[in-house]
Amino acid sequence: MDLNAFVERYPTLYHMAEQGTWPSIRALGLLSTSAALDHYDVTGDERTLHEVSHRPEKVAIGPAGDQIILRDQKPMEPTRLEKALQGVTPSGWYQFLNNKVFMWAQEHRLFGLLNARAYKRLEHDVLTIDTAALMERHANRVWLCPMNSGNTFPMPHIRSLETFQRIADYPTKRNGAPQKEVVEVVVDYSIPDIADFVIEVRRIKGEEVLETLPLQ
């Protein structure tokens, strides 16, 4: 896919974060699970537990008052994931995803997650990100995915590591449009300068926008 065509089709991206985490994100950037574990020098069995195993509930890591929340992986239960994966084990899949930062390419996908059963009663800090500005610095670290890679409901659709493609390799039609709409926009490891690209932060609960948070 041509980079300019990608930016034009998806001018803004969306990241759903835990309530109250925008100040930390602004300071540290968007961290993958692996980057967060590195930030706190987590090693050994504890790191394995968080990085290559299923995480059924969200987990706080780091010292009290300075913690990072690792989001849950409720829809990625191992036995369901096994039915979906090709060429990679569930632990390999968890490790691959845990080394990535995820954004939605379309707002309706964001609201689908915000209104999922496990999250619709919770408040979240939602970042709106300028795609063009992000791509100027990080395009070579971006992967595109045509599905919700962390969901196996209502059925475990087939997926593999090749489901993720670099922008230039993402399949397109003759007119340049993607063969399948991009669902997830993924960046390797972390986006330390994410605050430079965020154009709006909203506190959202389900369908309701509760407030707009200051960028600075």
N, C-alpha and C. Protein backbone atom coordinates (compact mmCIF):
# COMPACT_ATOMS: atom_id res chain seq x y z
N MET A 1 0.84 -1.19 0.00
CA MET A 1 0.00 0.00 0.00
C MET A 1 0.88 1.24 0.00
N ASP A 2 0.52 2.19 -0.81
CA ASP A 2 1.26 3.43 -0.86
C ASP A 2 1.07 4.20 0.45
N LEU A 3 2.15 4.74 0.99
CA LEU A 3 2.08 5.43 2.27
C LEU A 3 1.12 6.61 2.22
N ASN A 4 1.17 7.41 1.16
CA ASN A 4 0.29 8.56 1.06
C ASN A 4 -1.18 8.14 1.00
N ALA A 5 -1.44 7.03 0.29
CA ALA A 5 -2.81 6.52 0.20
C ALA A 5 -3.28 6.04 1.58
N PHE A 6 -2.39 5.41 2.32
CA PHE A 6 -2.73 4.96 3.67
C PHE A 6 -3.09 6.14 4.56
N VAL A 7 -2.28 7.19 4.54
CA VAL A 7 -2.53 8.37 5.37
C VAL A 7 -3.84 9.03 4.97
N GLU A 8 -4.09 9.12 3.68
CA GLU A 8 -5.33 9.76 3.22
C GLU A 8 -6.57 8.95 3.64
N ARG A 9 -6.47 7.64 3.60
CA ARG A 9 -7.62 6.80 3.93
C ARG A 9 -7.86 6.74 5.44
N TYR A 10 -6.79 6.80 6.21
CA TYR A 10 -6.89 6.71 7.68
C TYR A 10 -6.17 7.90 8.31
N PRO A 11 -6.77 9.10 8.24
CA PRO A 11 -6.06 10.31 8.68
C PRO A 11 -5.86 10.40 10.19
N THR A 12 -6.66 9.67 10.95
CA THR A 12 -6.50 9.64 12.40
C THR A 12 -6.54 8.20 12.89
N LEU A 13 -5.78 7.94 13.95
CA LEU A 13 -5.74 6.63 14.59
C LEU A 13 -6.17 6.80 16.04
N TYR A 14 -6.52 5.68 16.70
CA TYR A 14 -7.13 5.76 18.03
C TYR A 14 -6.50 4.71 18.95
N HIS A 15 -6.18 5.15 20.16
CA HIS A 15 -5.64 4.25 21.16
C HIS A 15 -6.46 4.36 22.44
N MET A 16 -6.90 3.23 22.95
CA MET A 16 -7.71 3.15 24.17
C MET A 16 -6.81 2.78 25.34
N ALA A 17 -6.73 3.68 26.32
CA ALA A 17 -5.85 3.47 27.48
C ALA A 17 -6.67 3.49 28.77
N GLU A 18 -6.06 3.03 29.83
CA GLU A 18 -6.70 3.03 31.14
C GLU A 18 -7.03 4.46 31.58
N GLN A 19 -8.11 4.59 32.33
CA GLN A 19 -8.48 5.89 32.89
C GLN A 19 -7.32 6.47 33.70
N GLY A 20 -7.03 7.75 33.47
CA GLY A 20 -6.01 8.45 34.25
C GLY A 20 -4.58 8.24 33.81
N THR A 21 -4.37 7.53 32.70
CA THR A 21 -3.00 7.22 32.29
C THR A 21 -2.41 8.21 31.28
N TRP A 22 -3.21 9.18 30.81
CA TRP A 22 -2.68 10.12 29.83
C TRP A 22 -1.43 10.85 30.34
N PRO A 23 -1.37 11.35 31.58
CA PRO A 23 -0.13 12.01 32.01
C PRO A 23 1.10 11.11 31.92
N SER A 24 0.95 9.84 32.28
CA SER A 24 2.07 8.90 32.17
C SER A 24 2.44 8.65 30.72
N ILE A 25 1.43 8.49 29.87
CA ILE A 25 1.69 8.28 28.44
C ILE A 25 2.39 9.50 27.85
N ARG A 26 1.96 10.67 28.24
CA ARG A 26 2.58 11.90 27.74
C ARG A 26 4.06 11.96 28.14
N ALA A 27 4.37 11.47 29.34
CA ALA A 27 5.74 11.52 29.83
C ALA A 27 6.61 10.40 29.27
N LEU A 28 6.08 9.18 29.23
CA LEU A 28 6.88 8.01 28.86
C LEU A 28 6.68 7.55 27.43
N GLY A 29 5.58 7.97 26.82
CA GLY A 29 5.21 7.47 25.51
C GLY A 29 4.29 6.28 25.63
N LEU A 30 3.86 5.74 24.49
CA LEU A 30 3.07 4.51 24.48
C LEU A 30 4.04 3.34 24.51
N LEU A 31 3.93 2.52 25.54
CA LEU A 31 4.84 1.39 25.72
C LEU A 31 4.10 0.09 25.47
N SER A 32 4.73 -0.81 24.73
CA SER A 32 4.23 -2.17 24.65
C SER A 32 4.44 -2.85 26.00
N THR A 33 3.87 -4.03 26.17
CA THR A 33 4.13 -4.79 27.39
C THR A 33 5.62 -5.03 27.58
N SER A 34 6.31 -5.41 26.51
CA SER A 34 7.75 -5.66 26.61
C SER A 34 8.50 -4.40 27.03
N ALA A 35 8.12 -3.26 26.46
CA ALA A 35 8.78 -2.00 26.80
C ALA A 35 8.51 -1.62 28.25
N ALA A 36 7.28 -1.87 28.73
CA ALA A 36 6.95 -1.58 30.13
C ALA A 36 7.76 -2.47 31.06
N LEU A 37 7.91 -3.73 30.71
CA LEU A 37 8.71 -4.64 31.52
C LEU A 37 10.18 -4.22 31.54
N ASP A 38 10.68 -3.75 30.40
CA ASP A 38 12.05 -3.23 30.36
C ASP A 38 12.19 -1.98 31.22
N HIS A 39 11.16 -1.13 31.20
CA HIS A 39 11.18 0.12 31.97
C HIS A 39 11.40 -0.16 33.45
N TYR A 40 10.82 -1.25 33.95
CA TYR A 40 10.95 -1.60 35.36
C TYR A 40 11.95 -2.74 35.59
N ASP A 41 12.72 -3.07 34.56
CA ASP A 41 13.75 -4.12 34.67
C ASP A 41 13.18 -5.44 35.19
N VAL A 42 12.01 -5.80 34.70
CA VAL A 42 11.37 -7.06 35.10
C VAL A 42 12.02 -8.20 34.31
N THR A 43 12.46 -9.22 35.03
CA THR A 43 13.14 -10.36 34.39
C THR A 43 12.62 -11.67 34.97
N GLY A 44 13.18 -12.78 34.49
CA GLY A 44 12.91 -14.10 35.07
C GLY A 44 11.47 -14.55 34.93
N ASP A 45 11.01 -15.27 35.93
CA ASP A 45 9.68 -15.87 35.89
C ASP A 45 8.59 -14.83 35.80
N GLU A 46 8.78 -13.69 36.47
CA GLU A 46 7.75 -12.65 36.42
C GLU A 46 7.60 -12.12 35.00
N ARG A 47 8.70 -11.93 34.32
CA ARG A 47 8.63 -11.44 32.95
C ARG A 47 7.95 -12.47 32.04
N THR A 48 8.32 -13.73 32.19
CA THR A 48 7.70 -14.79 31.40
C THR A 48 6.19 -14.81 31.61
N LEU A 49 5.77 -14.66 32.86
CA LEU A 49 4.35 -14.66 33.17
C LEU A 49 3.61 -13.59 32.41
N HIS A 50 4.20 -12.41 32.31
CA HIS A 50 3.52 -11.28 31.67
C HIS A 50 3.69 -11.26 30.16
N GLU A 51 4.79 -11.82 29.66
CA GLU A 51 5.16 -11.61 28.26
C GLU A 51 4.77 -12.76 27.34
N VAL A 52 4.80 -13.99 27.84
CA VAL A 52 4.54 -15.13 26.95
C VAL A 52 3.38 -16.00 27.43
N SER A 53 2.66 -15.56 28.45
CA SER A 53 1.51 -16.30 28.96
C SER A 53 0.25 -15.48 28.78
N HIS A 54 -0.89 -16.16 28.82
CA HIS A 54 -2.18 -15.48 28.72
C HIS A 54 -2.40 -14.61 29.94
N ARG A 55 -2.91 -13.40 29.72
CA ARG A 55 -3.19 -12.47 30.81
C ARG A 55 -4.71 -12.26 30.90
N PRO A 56 -5.41 -13.06 31.72
CA PRO A 56 -6.87 -12.99 31.76
C PRO A 56 -7.42 -11.72 32.41
N GLU A 57 -6.60 -11.06 33.24
CA GLU A 57 -7.01 -9.81 33.88
C GLU A 57 -5.88 -8.80 33.73
N LYS A 58 -6.22 -7.52 33.80
CA LYS A 58 -5.17 -6.51 33.73
C LYS A 58 -4.28 -6.61 34.97
N VAL A 59 -3.02 -6.20 34.79
CA VAL A 59 -2.00 -6.35 35.83
C VAL A 59 -1.26 -5.03 35.98
N ALA A 60 -1.01 -4.62 37.21
CA ALA A 60 -0.21 -3.43 37.48
C ALA A 60 1.22 -3.86 37.78
N ILE A 61 2.19 -3.24 37.13
CA ILE A 61 3.59 -3.51 37.42
C ILE A 61 4.26 -2.22 37.85
N GLY A 62 5.36 -2.34 38.59
CA GLY A 62 6.09 -1.18 39.06
C GLY A 62 5.74 -0.84 40.50
N PRO A 63 6.48 0.09 41.10
CA PRO A 63 6.26 0.46 42.50
C PRO A 63 4.97 1.24 42.69
N ALA A 64 4.40 1.17 43.88
CA ALA A 64 3.18 1.90 44.20
C ALA A 64 3.38 3.39 43.91
N GLY A 65 2.39 3.97 43.25
CA GLY A 65 2.45 5.38 42.89
C GLY A 65 3.13 5.65 41.56
N ASP A 66 3.72 4.63 40.98
CA ASP A 66 4.40 4.79 39.69
C ASP A 66 4.25 3.52 38.88
N GLN A 67 2.99 3.11 38.73
CA GLN A 67 2.72 1.82 38.08
C GLN A 67 2.23 2.00 36.64
N ILE A 68 2.44 0.97 35.87
CA ILE A 68 1.91 0.87 34.51
C ILE A 68 0.96 -0.32 34.49
N ILE A 69 -0.20 -0.11 33.85
CA ILE A 69 -1.20 -1.17 33.75
C ILE A 69 -1.00 -1.94 32.45
N LEU A 70 -0.83 -3.25 32.55
CA LEU A 70 -0.83 -4.12 31.38
C LEU A 70 -2.25 -4.58 31.16
N ARG A 71 -2.79 -4.29 30.00
CA ARG A 71 -4.19 -4.59 29.72
C ARG A 71 -4.42 -6.10 29.66
N ASP A 72 -5.65 -6.48 29.97
CA ASP A 72 -5.99 -7.90 29.94
C ASP A 72 -6.06 -8.43 28.50
N GLN A 73 -6.04 -9.74 28.39
CA GLN A 73 -6.18 -10.43 27.11
C GLN A 73 -7.35 -11.41 27.17
N LYS A 74 -8.47 -10.91 27.68
CA LYS A 74 -9.65 -11.77 27.88
C LYS A 74 -10.04 -12.55 26.63
N PRO A 75 -10.05 -11.95 25.44
CA PRO A 75 -10.53 -12.69 24.27
C PRO A 75 -9.49 -13.62 23.64
N MET A 76 -8.35 -13.81 24.31
CA MET A 76 -7.28 -14.63 23.74
C MET A 76 -6.97 -15.84 24.60
N GLU A 77 -7.99 -16.51 25.07
CA GLU A 77 -7.79 -17.71 25.89
C GLU A 77 -7.04 -18.76 25.05
N PRO A 78 -6.03 -19.43 25.61
CA PRO A 78 -5.14 -20.28 24.82
C PRO A 78 -5.82 -21.36 23.99
N THR A 79 -6.82 -22.05 24.55
CA THR A 79 -7.44 -23.14 23.78
C THR A 79 -8.19 -22.61 22.58
N ARG A 80 -8.77 -21.43 22.68
CA ARG A 80 -9.43 -20.82 21.53
C ARG A 80 -8.39 -20.33 20.53
N LEU A 81 -7.31 -19.77 21.05
CA LEU A 81 -6.26 -19.24 20.18
C LEU A 81 -5.61 -20.34 19.37
N GLU A 82 -5.44 -21.52 19.96
CA GLU A 82 -4.84 -22.65 19.25
C GLU A 82 -5.60 -22.99 17.97
N LYS A 83 -6.91 -22.82 18.00
CA LYS A 83 -7.75 -23.11 16.84
C LYS A 83 -7.56 -22.08 15.72
N ALA A 84 -7.05 -20.91 16.08
CA ALA A 84 -6.94 -19.82 15.13
C ALA A 84 -5.55 -19.69 14.51
N LEU A 85 -4.52 -20.15 15.22
CA LEU A 85 -3.15 -19.85 14.83
C LEU A 85 -2.60 -20.82 13.79
N GLN A 86 -1.80 -20.28 12.88
CA GLN A 86 -1.06 -21.07 11.91
C GLN A 86 0.41 -20.72 12.01
N GLY A 87 1.25 -21.73 12.24
CA GLY A 87 2.69 -21.52 12.23
C GLY A 87 3.27 -20.85 13.46
N VAL A 88 2.47 -20.70 14.51
CA VAL A 88 2.96 -20.09 15.73
C VAL A 88 2.14 -20.63 16.90
N THR A 89 2.77 -20.79 18.04
CA THR A 89 2.08 -21.27 19.24
C THR A 89 1.41 -20.11 19.96
N PRO A 90 0.46 -20.38 20.85
CA PRO A 90 -0.12 -19.30 21.65
C PRO A 90 0.93 -18.48 22.38
N SER A 91 1.94 -19.13 22.98
CA SER A 91 2.96 -18.37 23.69
C SER A 91 3.75 -17.48 22.74
N GLY A 92 4.02 -17.98 21.54
CA GLY A 92 4.71 -17.16 20.54
C GLY A 92 3.87 -15.97 20.10
N TRP A 93 2.55 -16.20 20.00
CA TRP A 93 1.62 -15.13 19.63
C TRP A 93 1.58 -14.06 20.71
N TYR A 94 1.47 -14.49 21.97
CA TYR A 94 1.46 -13.52 23.07
C TYR A 94 2.74 -12.70 23.05
N GLN A 95 3.87 -13.36 22.85
CA GLN A 95 5.15 -12.64 22.86
C GLN A 95 5.22 -11.65 21.71
N PHE A 96 4.74 -12.05 20.55
CA PHE A 96 4.75 -11.16 19.39
C PHE A 96 3.88 -9.93 19.67
N LEU A 97 2.65 -10.14 20.13
CA LEU A 97 1.75 -9.01 20.37
C LEU A 97 2.24 -8.14 21.52
N ASN A 98 2.84 -8.74 22.53
CA ASN A 98 3.30 -7.98 23.68
C ASN A 98 4.48 -7.08 23.37
N ASN A 99 5.05 -7.22 22.20
CA ASN A 99 6.16 -6.35 21.78
C ASN A 99 5.68 -5.23 20.86
N LYS A 100 4.36 -5.02 20.81
CA LYS A 100 3.79 -4.05 19.89
C LYS A 100 2.88 -3.06 20.62
N VAL A 101 2.75 -1.88 20.02
CA VAL A 101 1.78 -0.86 20.44
C VAL A 101 0.66 -0.86 19.41
N PHE A 102 -0.59 -0.87 19.88
CA PHE A 102 -1.74 -1.04 19.00
C PHE A 102 -2.61 0.21 18.94
N MET A 103 -3.05 0.52 17.71
CA MET A 103 -4.01 1.60 17.48
C MET A 103 -5.08 1.10 16.52
N TRP A 104 -6.27 1.64 16.65
CA TRP A 104 -7.34 1.35 15.72
C TRP A 104 -7.26 2.29 14.54
N ALA A 105 -7.51 1.77 13.34
CA ALA A 105 -7.49 2.59 12.14
C ALA A 105 -8.80 3.34 11.93
N GLN A 106 -9.88 2.85 12.56
CA GLN A 106 -11.19 3.47 12.38
C GLN A 106 -11.89 3.62 13.73
N GLU A 107 -12.60 4.74 13.87
CA GLU A 107 -13.19 5.06 15.16
C GLU A 107 -14.29 4.08 15.55
N HIS A 108 -15.01 3.53 14.59
CA HIS A 108 -16.08 2.60 14.95
C HIS A 108 -15.52 1.34 15.60
N ARG A 109 -14.30 0.95 15.24
CA ARG A 109 -13.65 -0.18 15.88
C ARG A 109 -13.32 0.15 17.34
N LEU A 110 -12.85 1.36 17.56
CA LEU A 110 -12.58 1.83 18.92
C LEU A 110 -13.83 1.73 19.78
N PHE A 111 -14.95 2.24 19.27
CA PHE A 111 -16.17 2.23 20.07
C PHE A 111 -16.72 0.81 20.24
N GLY A 112 -16.42 -0.07 19.31
CA GLY A 112 -16.78 -1.46 19.50
C GLY A 112 -16.10 -2.05 20.72
N LEU A 113 -14.82 -1.73 20.91
CA LEU A 113 -14.10 -2.22 22.08
C LEU A 113 -14.56 -1.51 23.35
N LEU A 114 -14.76 -0.20 23.26
CA LEU A 114 -15.21 0.55 24.44
C LEU A 114 -16.54 0.03 24.96
N ASN A 115 -17.35 -0.52 24.06
CA ASN A 115 -18.67 -1.01 24.45
C ASN A 115 -18.74 -2.52 24.60
N ALA A 116 -17.59 -3.19 24.55
CA ALA A 116 -17.56 -4.62 24.82
C ALA A 116 -17.98 -4.86 26.27
N ARG A 117 -18.49 -6.04 26.54
CA ARG A 117 -19.05 -6.37 27.85
C ARG A 117 -18.09 -6.06 28.99
N ALA A 118 -16.82 -6.37 28.80
CA ALA A 118 -15.85 -6.22 29.89
C ALA A 118 -15.47 -4.77 30.16
N TYR A 119 -15.76 -3.86 29.20
CA TYR A 119 -15.23 -2.50 29.31
C TYR A 119 -16.29 -1.40 29.33
N LYS A 120 -17.54 -1.69 28.95
CA LYS A 120 -18.50 -0.62 28.71
C LYS A 120 -18.89 0.16 29.96
N ARG A 121 -18.66 -0.40 31.14
CA ARG A 121 -18.96 0.33 32.37
C ARG A 121 -17.75 1.06 32.94
N LEU A 122 -16.63 0.98 32.23
CA LEU A 122 -15.39 1.59 32.69
C LEU A 122 -15.09 2.86 31.88
N GLU A 123 -14.37 3.77 32.51
CA GLU A 123 -13.91 4.97 31.82
C GLU A 123 -12.51 4.73 31.26
N HIS A 124 -12.24 5.31 30.11
CA HIS A 124 -10.94 5.16 29.46
C HIS A 124 -10.44 6.50 28.95
N ASP A 125 -9.13 6.64 28.89
CA ASP A 125 -8.51 7.77 28.21
C ASP A 125 -8.25 7.35 26.76
N VAL A 126 -8.87 8.05 25.83
CA VAL A 126 -8.78 7.67 24.41
C VAL A 126 -7.98 8.73 23.65
N LEU A 127 -6.89 8.29 23.03
CA LEU A 127 -6.02 9.19 22.27
C LEU A 127 -6.42 9.18 20.80
N THR A 128 -6.55 10.37 20.23
CA THR A 128 -6.70 10.52 18.79
C THR A 128 -5.37 11.01 18.24
N ILE A 129 -4.85 10.30 17.26
CA ILE A 129 -3.47 10.48 16.80
C ILE A 129 -3.46 10.90 15.34
N ASP A 130 -2.66 11.89 15.01
CA ASP A 130 -2.53 12.36 13.63
C ASP A 130 -1.64 11.38 12.86
N THR A 131 -2.25 10.72 11.89
CA THR A 131 -1.53 9.66 11.16
C THR A 131 -0.34 10.19 10.39
N ALA A 132 -0.52 11.30 9.68
CA ALA A 132 0.56 11.83 8.85
C ALA A 132 1.78 12.17 9.69
N ALA A 133 1.55 12.82 10.83
CA ALA A 133 2.67 13.20 11.69
C ALA A 133 3.38 11.98 12.26
N LEU A 134 2.60 10.98 12.67
CA LEU A 134 3.19 9.75 13.19
C LEU A 134 4.02 9.05 12.13
N MET A 135 3.51 9.00 10.89
CA MET A 135 4.20 8.29 9.82
C MET A 135 5.50 8.99 9.44
N GLU A 136 5.56 10.29 9.58
CA GLU A 136 6.78 11.01 9.22
C GLU A 136 7.99 10.49 10.00
N ARG A 137 7.76 10.07 11.23
CA ARG A 137 8.86 9.59 12.06
C ARG A 137 8.93 8.07 12.19
N HIS A 138 7.78 7.39 12.07
CA HIS A 138 7.76 5.98 12.46
C HIS A 138 7.23 5.02 11.40
N ALA A 139 7.06 5.48 10.17
CA ALA A 139 6.46 4.62 9.14
C ALA A 139 7.19 3.30 8.97
N ASN A 140 8.51 3.30 9.11
CA ASN A 140 9.28 2.07 8.89
C ASN A 140 9.13 1.08 10.03
N ARG A 141 8.46 1.45 11.12
CA ARG A 141 8.24 0.56 12.27
C ARG A 141 6.79 0.12 12.37
N VAL A 142 6.00 0.43 11.36
CA VAL A 142 4.56 0.19 11.41
C VAL A 142 4.19 -1.10 10.69
N TRP A 143 3.24 -1.82 11.29
CA TRP A 143 2.59 -2.98 10.66
C TRP A 143 1.11 -2.69 10.52
N LEU A 144 0.49 -3.24 9.49
CA LEU A 144 -0.95 -3.13 9.30
C LEU A 144 -1.58 -4.52 9.42
N CYS A 145 -2.76 -4.55 10.04
CA CYS A 145 -3.44 -5.82 10.27
C CYS A 145 -4.91 -5.68 9.89
N PRO A 146 -5.47 -6.64 9.13
CA PRO A 146 -6.86 -6.54 8.66
C PRO A 146 -7.88 -7.15 9.61
N MET A 147 -7.50 -7.38 10.87
CA MET A 147 -8.42 -8.00 11.82
C MET A 147 -8.06 -7.56 13.23
N ASN A 148 -8.95 -7.86 14.16
CA ASN A 148 -8.64 -7.68 15.59
C ASN A 148 -7.81 -8.88 16.00
N SER A 149 -6.51 -8.71 16.06
CA SER A 149 -5.61 -9.84 16.25
C SER A 149 -5.70 -10.45 17.64
N GLY A 150 -6.27 -9.73 18.59
CA GLY A 150 -6.37 -10.23 19.95
C GLY A 150 -7.73 -10.74 20.34
N ASN A 151 -8.58 -11.00 19.36
CA ASN A 151 -9.94 -11.46 19.66
C ASN A 151 -10.20 -12.81 19.00
N THR A 152 -10.84 -13.73 19.75
CA THR A 152 -11.21 -15.02 19.17
C THR A 152 -12.72 -15.27 19.24
N PHE A 153 -13.49 -14.21 19.48
CA PHE A 153 -14.94 -14.32 19.55
C PHE A 153 -15.56 -13.51 18.42
N PRO A 154 -16.70 -13.93 17.89
CA PRO A 154 -17.48 -15.11 18.28
C PRO A 154 -16.92 -16.42 17.76
N MET A 155 -15.91 -16.31 16.86
CA MET A 155 -15.25 -17.53 16.39
C MET A 155 -13.77 -17.21 16.18
N PRO A 156 -12.90 -18.20 16.35
CA PRO A 156 -11.46 -17.97 16.24
C PRO A 156 -10.99 -17.95 14.78
N HIS A 157 -11.07 -16.79 14.15
CA HIS A 157 -10.65 -16.67 12.76
C HIS A 157 -9.15 -16.95 12.62
N ILE A 158 -8.79 -17.55 11.50
CA ILE A 158 -7.41 -17.94 11.25
C ILE A 158 -6.50 -16.70 11.19
N ARG A 159 -5.32 -16.84 11.80
CA ARG A 159 -4.33 -15.77 11.77
C ARG A 159 -2.93 -16.37 11.93
N SER A 160 -1.93 -15.59 11.54
CA SER A 160 -0.53 -15.99 11.67
C SER A 160 0.30 -14.73 11.77
N LEU A 161 1.61 -14.90 11.94
CA LEU A 161 2.47 -13.72 11.99
C LEU A 161 2.43 -12.96 10.68
N GLU A 162 2.13 -13.66 9.57
CA GLU A 162 2.05 -13.01 8.26
C GLU A 162 0.76 -12.19 8.11
N THR A 163 -0.14 -12.28 9.08
CA THR A 163 -1.34 -11.44 9.05
C THR A 163 -0.95 -9.97 9.15
N PHE A 164 0.19 -9.71 9.79
CA PHE A 164 0.72 -8.35 9.91
C PHE A 164 1.65 -8.07 8.74
N GLN A 165 1.44 -6.94 8.06
CA GLN A 165 2.27 -6.58 6.91
C GLN A 165 2.77 -5.15 7.07
N ARG A 166 4.00 -4.91 6.62
CA ARG A 166 4.48 -3.54 6.54
C ARG A 166 3.62 -2.77 5.54
N ILE A 167 3.60 -1.45 5.67
CA ILE A 167 2.70 -0.64 4.84
C ILE A 167 2.92 -0.93 3.35
N ALA A 168 4.16 -0.94 2.91
CA ALA A 168 4.45 -1.13 1.49
C ALA A 168 4.02 -2.51 0.99
N ASP A 169 3.91 -3.48 1.90
CA ASP A 169 3.57 -4.85 1.51
C ASP A 169 2.08 -5.17 1.67
N TYR A 170 1.31 -4.24 2.21
CA TYR A 170 -0.10 -4.51 2.47
C TYR A 170 -0.85 -4.62 1.14
N PRO A 171 -1.59 -5.71 0.92
CA PRO A 171 -2.22 -5.94 -0.39
C PRO A 171 -3.27 -4.89 -0.75
N THR A 172 -3.24 -4.48 -2.01
CA THR A 172 -4.19 -3.47 -2.49
C THR A 172 -4.87 -3.93 -3.78
N LYS A 173 -5.96 -3.27 -4.10
CA LYS A 173 -6.65 -3.47 -5.36
C LYS A 173 -5.95 -2.64 -6.45
N ARG A 174 -6.41 -2.77 -7.67
CA ARG A 174 -5.80 -2.03 -8.77
C ARG A 174 -5.89 -0.53 -8.58
N ASN A 175 -6.95 -0.07 -7.91
CA ASN A 175 -7.12 1.37 -7.69
C ASN A 175 -6.33 1.90 -6.49
N GLY A 176 -5.57 1.01 -5.83
CA GLY A 176 -4.75 1.43 -4.71
C GLY A 176 -5.41 1.29 -3.36
N ALA A 177 -6.70 1.01 -3.35
CA ALA A 177 -7.41 0.80 -2.08
C ALA A 177 -6.99 -0.55 -1.49
N PRO A 178 -7.03 -0.67 -0.18
CA PRO A 178 -6.64 -1.95 0.43
C PRO A 178 -7.61 -3.06 0.05
N GLN A 179 -7.07 -4.28 -0.15
CA GLN A 179 -7.95 -5.42 -0.42
C GLN A 179 -8.87 -5.68 0.76
N LYS A 180 -8.35 -5.52 1.95
CA LYS A 180 -9.16 -5.57 3.17
C LYS A 180 -8.87 -4.32 3.97
N GLU A 181 -9.91 -3.73 4.54
CA GLU A 181 -9.71 -2.53 5.34
C GLU A 181 -8.73 -2.80 6.48
N VAL A 182 -7.88 -1.83 6.74
CA VAL A 182 -6.97 -1.94 7.87
C VAL A 182 -7.78 -1.82 9.17
N VAL A 183 -7.55 -2.73 10.08
CA VAL A 183 -8.23 -2.69 11.39
C VAL A 183 -7.28 -2.18 12.46
N GLU A 184 -6.09 -2.75 12.51
CA GLU A 184 -5.10 -2.36 13.52
C GLU A 184 -3.87 -1.75 12.85
N VAL A 185 -3.37 -0.69 13.44
CA VAL A 185 -2.10 -0.09 13.04
C VAL A 185 -1.16 -0.30 14.23
N VAL A 186 -0.05 -0.96 13.99
CA VAL A 186 0.79 -1.49 15.06
C VAL A 186 2.21 -0.98 14.90
N VAL A 187 2.83 -0.58 16.01
CA VAL A 187 4.20 -0.07 15.99
C VAL A 187 5.07 -0.96 16.88
N ASP A 188 6.26 -1.26 16.40
CA ASP A 188 7.20 -2.08 17.17
C ASP A 188 7.59 -1.40 18.48
N TYR A 189 7.47 -2.13 19.56
CA TYR A 189 8.04 -1.85 20.88
C TYR A 189 7.43 -0.65 21.60
N SER A 190 7.60 0.57 21.10
CA SER A 190 7.09 1.73 21.81
C SER A 190 7.02 2.93 20.88
N ILE A 191 6.27 3.95 21.31
CA ILE A 191 6.26 5.24 20.63
C ILE A 191 6.59 6.29 21.69
N PRO A 192 7.87 6.51 21.97
CA PRO A 192 8.24 7.38 23.08
C PRO A 192 7.79 8.83 22.91
N ASP A 193 7.64 9.27 21.66
CA ASP A 193 7.26 10.65 21.38
C ASP A 193 5.79 10.79 20.98
N ILE A 194 4.95 9.88 21.45
CA ILE A 194 3.54 9.87 21.03
C ILE A 194 2.85 11.21 21.28
N ALA A 195 3.24 11.92 22.33
CA ALA A 195 2.58 13.20 22.65
C ALA A 195 2.70 14.20 21.51
N ASP A 196 3.72 14.06 20.68
CA ASP A 196 3.90 14.98 19.55
C ASP A 196 2.82 14.79 18.49
N PHE A 197 2.14 13.63 18.51
CA PHE A 197 1.19 13.31 17.44
C PHE A 197 -0.26 13.28 17.93
N VAL A 198 -0.47 13.39 19.23
CA VAL A 198 -1.82 13.32 19.79
C VAL A 198 -2.52 14.65 19.60
N ILE A 199 -3.69 14.63 18.97
CA ILE A 199 -4.42 15.86 18.71
C ILE A 199 -5.64 16.01 19.61
N GLU A 200 -6.03 14.93 20.31
CA GLU A 200 -7.16 15.01 21.23
C GLU A 200 -7.09 13.82 22.19
N VAL A 201 -7.47 14.08 23.45
CA VAL A 201 -7.60 13.01 24.43
C VAL A 201 -8.98 13.15 25.07
N ARG A 202 -9.78 12.10 24.95
CA ARG A 202 -11.14 12.11 25.51
C ARG A 202 -11.28 11.08 26.61
N ARG A 203 -11.98 11.43 27.64
CA ARG A 203 -12.38 10.46 28.67
C ARG A 203 -13.74 9.92 28.22
N ILE A 204 -13.79 8.62 27.94
CA ILE A 204 -14.99 8.01 27.37
C ILE A 204 -15.43 6.83 28.22
N LYS A 205 -16.73 6.71 28.39
CA LYS A 205 -17.33 5.55 29.05
C LYS A 205 -18.40 5.01 28.11
N GLY A 206 -18.17 3.83 27.57
CA GLY A 206 -19.12 3.28 26.62
C GLY A 206 -19.24 4.16 25.39
N GLU A 207 -20.45 4.67 25.15
CA GLU A 207 -20.70 5.58 24.03
C GLU A 207 -20.52 7.03 24.41
N GLU A 208 -20.41 7.32 25.71
CA GLU A 208 -20.47 8.70 26.18
C GLU A 208 -19.09 9.31 26.35
N VAL A 209 -18.89 10.46 25.71
CA VAL A 209 -17.67 11.25 25.91
C VAL A 209 -17.89 12.11 27.15
N LEU A 210 -17.15 11.85 28.20
CA LEU A 210 -17.36 12.53 29.47
C LEU A 210 -16.66 13.88 29.51
N GLU A 211 -15.47 13.95 28.92
CA GLU A 211 -14.74 15.21 28.91
C GLU A 211 -13.58 15.10 27.95
N THR A 212 -13.07 16.27 27.56
CA THR A 212 -11.83 16.34 26.76
C THR A 212 -10.72 16.77 27.71
N LEU A 213 -9.63 16.01 27.72
CA LEU A 213 -8.53 16.26 28.63
C LEU A 213 -7.51 17.21 28.01
N PRO A 214 -6.84 18.02 28.81
CA PRO A 214 -5.82 18.93 28.26
C PRO A 214 -4.64 18.15 27.69
N LEU A 215 -4.11 18.63 26.57
CA LEU A 215 -2.99 17.95 25.94
C LEU A 215 -1.69 18.16 26.71
N GLN A 216 -1.58 19.28 27.40
CA GLN A 216 -0.36 19.59 28.15
C GLN A 216 -0.62 19.55 29.64
